[in-house]
PDB file of N, CA and C in Angstrom:
ATOM      1  N   MET A   1      67.760 -63.202 -36.328  1.00  0.00           N
ATOM      2  CA  MET A   1      67.472 -63.939 -35.247  1.00  0.00           C
ATOM      3  C   MET A   1      66.199 -64.368 -34.962  1.00  0.00           C
ATOM      4  N   ASN A   2      65.567 -63.454 -34.802  1.00  0.00           N
ATOM      5  CA  ASN A   2      63.952 -63.257 -34.200  1.00  0.00           C
ATOM      6  C   ASN A   2      63.365 -64.050 -35.520  1.00  0.00           C
ATOM      7  N   PHE A   3      64.068 -63.498 -36.675  1.00  0.00           N
ATOM      8  CA  PHE A   3      63.060 -64.056 -37.761  1.00  0.00           C
ATOM      9  C   PHE A   3      63.216 -65.587 -38.492  1.00  0.00           C
ATOM     10  N   SER A   4      64.438 -65.929 -37.783  1.00  0.00           N
ATOM     11  CA  SER A   4      64.831 -67.375 -38.454  1.00  0.00           C
ATOM     12  C   SER A   4      64.444 -68.314 -37.561  1.00  0.00           C
ATOM     13  N   SER A   5      64.034 -67.752 -36.399  1.00  0.00           N
ATOM     14  CA  SER A   5      63.439 -68.695 -34.732  1.00  0.00           C
ATOM     15  C   SER A   5      62.194 -68.611 -35.236  1.00  0.00           C
ATOM     16  N   LYS A   6      61.566 -67.548 -35.731  1.00  0.00           N
ATOM     17  CA  LYS A   6      59.956 -67.466 -35.778  1.00  0.00           C
ATOM     18  C   LYS A   6      59.704 -68.483 -37.196  1.00  0.00           C
ATOM     19  N   SER A   7      60.250 -68.581 -38.286  1.00  0.00           N
ATOM     20  CA  SER A   7      60.245 -69.575 -39.322  1.00  0.00           C
ATOM     21  C   SER A   7      60.473 -71.001 -38.784  1.00  0.00           C
ATOM     22  N   GLN A   8      61.438 -71.223 -37.723  1.00  0.00           N
ATOM     23  CA  GLN A   8      61.813 -72.224 -37.554  1.00  0.00           C
ATOM     24  C   GLN A   8      60.497 -73.102 -36.850  1.00  0.00           C
ATOM     25  N   LEU A   9      59.902 -72.214 -35.774  1.00  0.00           N
ATOM     26  CA  LEU A   9      59.116 -72.838 -35.019  1.00  0.00           C
ATOM     27  C   LEU A   9      57.939 -73.206 -36.043  1.00  0.00           C
ATOM     28  N   GLN A  10      57.400 -72.130 -37.327  1.00  0.00           N
ATOM     29  CA  GLN A  10      56.389 -72.487 -37.827  1.00  0.00           C
ATOM     30  C   GLN A  10      56.626 -73.945 -38.951  1.00  0.00           C
ATOM     31  N   LEU A  11      58.064 -74.255 -39.156  1.00  0.00           N
ATOM     32  CA  LEU A  11      57.984 -75.621 -40.164  1.00  0.00           C
ATOM     33  C   LEU A  11      57.847 -76.785 -38.721  1.00  0.00           C
ATOM     34  N   ILE A  12      58.119 -76.585 -37.567  1.00  0.00           N
ATOM     35  CA  ILE A  12      57.871 -77.885 -36.107  1.00  0.00           C
ATOM     36  C   ILE A  12      56.723 -77.493 -36.406  1.00  0.00           C
ATOM     37  N   ASN A  13      56.236 -76.346 -36.239  1.00  0.00           N
ATOM     38  CA  ASN A  13      54.748 -76.306 -36.381  1.00  0.00           C
ATOM     39  C   ASN A  13      53.773 -77.181 -37.414  1.00  0.00           C
ATOM     40  N   LEU A  14      54.327 -76.960 -38.347  1.00  0.00           N
ATOM     41  CA  LEU A  14      53.672 -77.519 -39.709  1.00  0.00           C
ATOM     42  C   LEU A  14      53.847 -79.044 -39.595  1.00  0.00           C
ATOM     43  N   SER A  15      55.090 -79.531 -39.466  1.00  0.00           N
ATOM     44  CA  SER A  15      55.458 -80.927 -38.989  1.00  0.00           C
ATOM     45  C   SER A  15      54.640 -81.766 -37.897  1.00  0.00           C
ATOM     46  N   TYR A  16      54.498 -80.973 -36.705  1.00  0.00           N
ATOM     47  CA  TYR A  16      53.597 -81.529 -36.085  1.00  0.00           C
ATOM     48  C   TYR A  16      52.132 -81.481 -36.393  1.00  0.00           C
ATOM     49  N   ASN A  17      51.462 -80.550 -37.233  1.00  0.00           N
ATOM     50  CA  ASN A  17      49.563 -80.627 -37.766  1.00  0.00           C
ATOM     51  C   ASN A  17      50.247 -81.965 -38.182  1.00  0.00           C
ATOM     52  N   ASP A  18      51.100 -82.092 -39.452  1.00  0.00           N
ATOM     53  CA  ASP A  18      50.658 -83.256 -40.455  1.00  0.00           C
ATOM     54  C   ASP A  18      51.142 -84.678 -39.677  1.00  0.00           C
ATOM     55  N   PHE A  19      52.056 -84.799 -38.584  1.00  0.00           N
ATOM     56  CA  PHE A  19      52.073 -86.168 -37.878  1.00  0.00           C
ATOM     57  C   PHE A  19      50.800 -86.109 -37.564  1.00  0.00           C
ATOM     58  N   PHE A  20      49.877 -85.376 -36.597  1.00  0.00           N
ATOM     59  CA  PHE A  20      48.712 -85.562 -35.920  1.00  0.00           C
ATOM     60  C   PHE A  20      47.528 -85.582 -36.911  1.00  0.00           C
ATOM     61  N   SER A  21      47.638 -85.148 -38.245  1.00  0.00           N
ATOM     62  CA  SER A  21      46.296 -84.893 -39.106  1.00  0.00           C
ATOM     63  C   SER A  21      46.723 -86.618 -39.620  1.00  0.00           C
ATOM     64  N   GLY A  22      48.008 -86.830 -40.041  1.00  0.00           N
ATOM     65  CA  GLY A  22      48.053 -88.492 -40.244  1.00  0.00           C
ATOM     66  C   GLY A  22      47.694 -89.428 -39.206  1.00  0.00           C
ATOM     67  N   ILE A  23      47.840 -89.208 -38.153  1.00  0.00           N
ATOM     68  CA  ILE A  23      47.128 -90.298 -36.535  1.00  0.00           C
ATOM     69  C   ILE A  23      46.201 -90.574 -36.925  1.00  0.00           C
ATOM     70  N   LEU A  24      45.129 -89.080 -37.555  1.00  0.00           N
ATOM     71  CA  LEU A  24      43.869 -89.251 -36.967  1.00  0.00           C
ATOM     72  C   LEU A  24      43.083 -89.957 -38.322  1.00  0.00           C
ATOM     73  N   VAL A  25      43.834 -89.716 -39.311  1.00  0.00           N
ATOM     74  CA  VAL A  25      43.569 -90.199 -40.628  1.00  0.00           C
ATOM     75  C   VAL A  25      43.543 -92.104 -40.219  1.00  0.00           C
ATOM     76  N   THR A  26      44.907 -92.461 -39.728  1.00  0.00           N
ATOM     77  CA  THR A  26      45.088 -93.694 -39.539  1.00  0.00           C
ATOM     78  C   THR A  26      44.190 -94.571 -38.583  1.00  0.00           C
ATOM     79  N   ILE A  27      43.992 -93.704 -37.651  1.00  0.00           N
ATOM     80  CA  ILE A  27      42.897 -94.068 -36.554  1.00  0.00           C
ATOM     81  C   ILE A  27      41.319 -94.483 -37.316  1.00  0.00           C
ATOM     82  N   GLY A  28      40.875 -93.216 -38.203  1.00  0.00           N
ATOM     83  CA  GLY A  28      39.763 -93.250 -39.170  1.00  0.00           C
ATOM     84  C   GLY A  28      39.456 -94.181 -39.741  1.00  0.00           C
ATOM     85  N   ALA A  29      40.767 -95.017 -40.459  1.00  0.00           N
ATOM     86  CA  ALA A  29      40.813 -95.989 -41.426  1.00  0.00           C
ATOM     87  C   ALA A  29      40.653 -97.193 -40.368  1.00  0.00           C
ATOM     88  N   LEU A  30      41.221 -97.180 -39.537  1.00  0.00           N
ATOM     89  CA  LEU A  30      41.373 -98.701 -38.941  1.00  0.00           C
ATOM     90  C   LEU A  30      39.885 -98.668 -38.330  1.00  0.00           C
ATOM     91  N   LYS A  31      39.021 -97.906 -37.717  1.00  0.00           N
ATOM     92  CA  LYS A  31      37.891 -97.602 -36.966  1.00  0.00           C
ATOM     93  C   LYS A  31      36.509 -98.312 -38.723  1.00  0.00           C
ATOM     94  N   LYS A  32      36.814 -97.730 -39.323  1.00  0.00           N
ATOM     95  CA  LYS A  32      36.053 -98.081 -40.545  1.00  0.00           C
ATOM     96  C   LYS A  32      36.390 -99.866 -40.689  1.00  0.00           C
ATOM     97  N   LEU A  33      37.683-100.035 -40.693  1.00  0.00           N
ATOM     98  CA  LEU A  33      37.965-101.397 -41.329  1.00  0.00           C
ATOM     99  C   LEU A  33      37.407-102.359 -40.293  1.00  0.00           C
ATOM    100  N   GLU A  34      37.116-101.783 -39.034  1.00  0.00           N
ATOM    101  CA  GLU A  34      36.494-102.631 -37.775  1.00  0.00           C
ATOM    102  C   GLU A  34      35.162-102.870 -37.879  1.00  0.00           C
ATOM    103  N   HIS A  35      34.258-101.864 -38.729  1.00  0.00           N
ATOM    104  CA  HIS A  35      32.771-101.813 -39.017  1.00  0.00           C
ATOM    105  C   HIS A  35      32.759-102.556 -40.018  1.00  0.00           C
ATOM    106  N   LEU A  36      33.770-103.222 -40.802  1.00  0.00           N
ATOM    107  CA  LEU A  36      33.210-104.128 -42.067  1.00  0.00           C
ATOM    108  C   LEU A  36      33.190-105.323 -41.552  1.00  0.00           C
TER     109      LEU A  36
END
């Protein structure tokens, strides 16, 4: 039980990290486009 909840939290954490890094990349790309 403890092991499965731990791995579930890790999966959620990984998906959140991917989500936020994707947002940061998108914001960075938009700022670069604004400067052009």
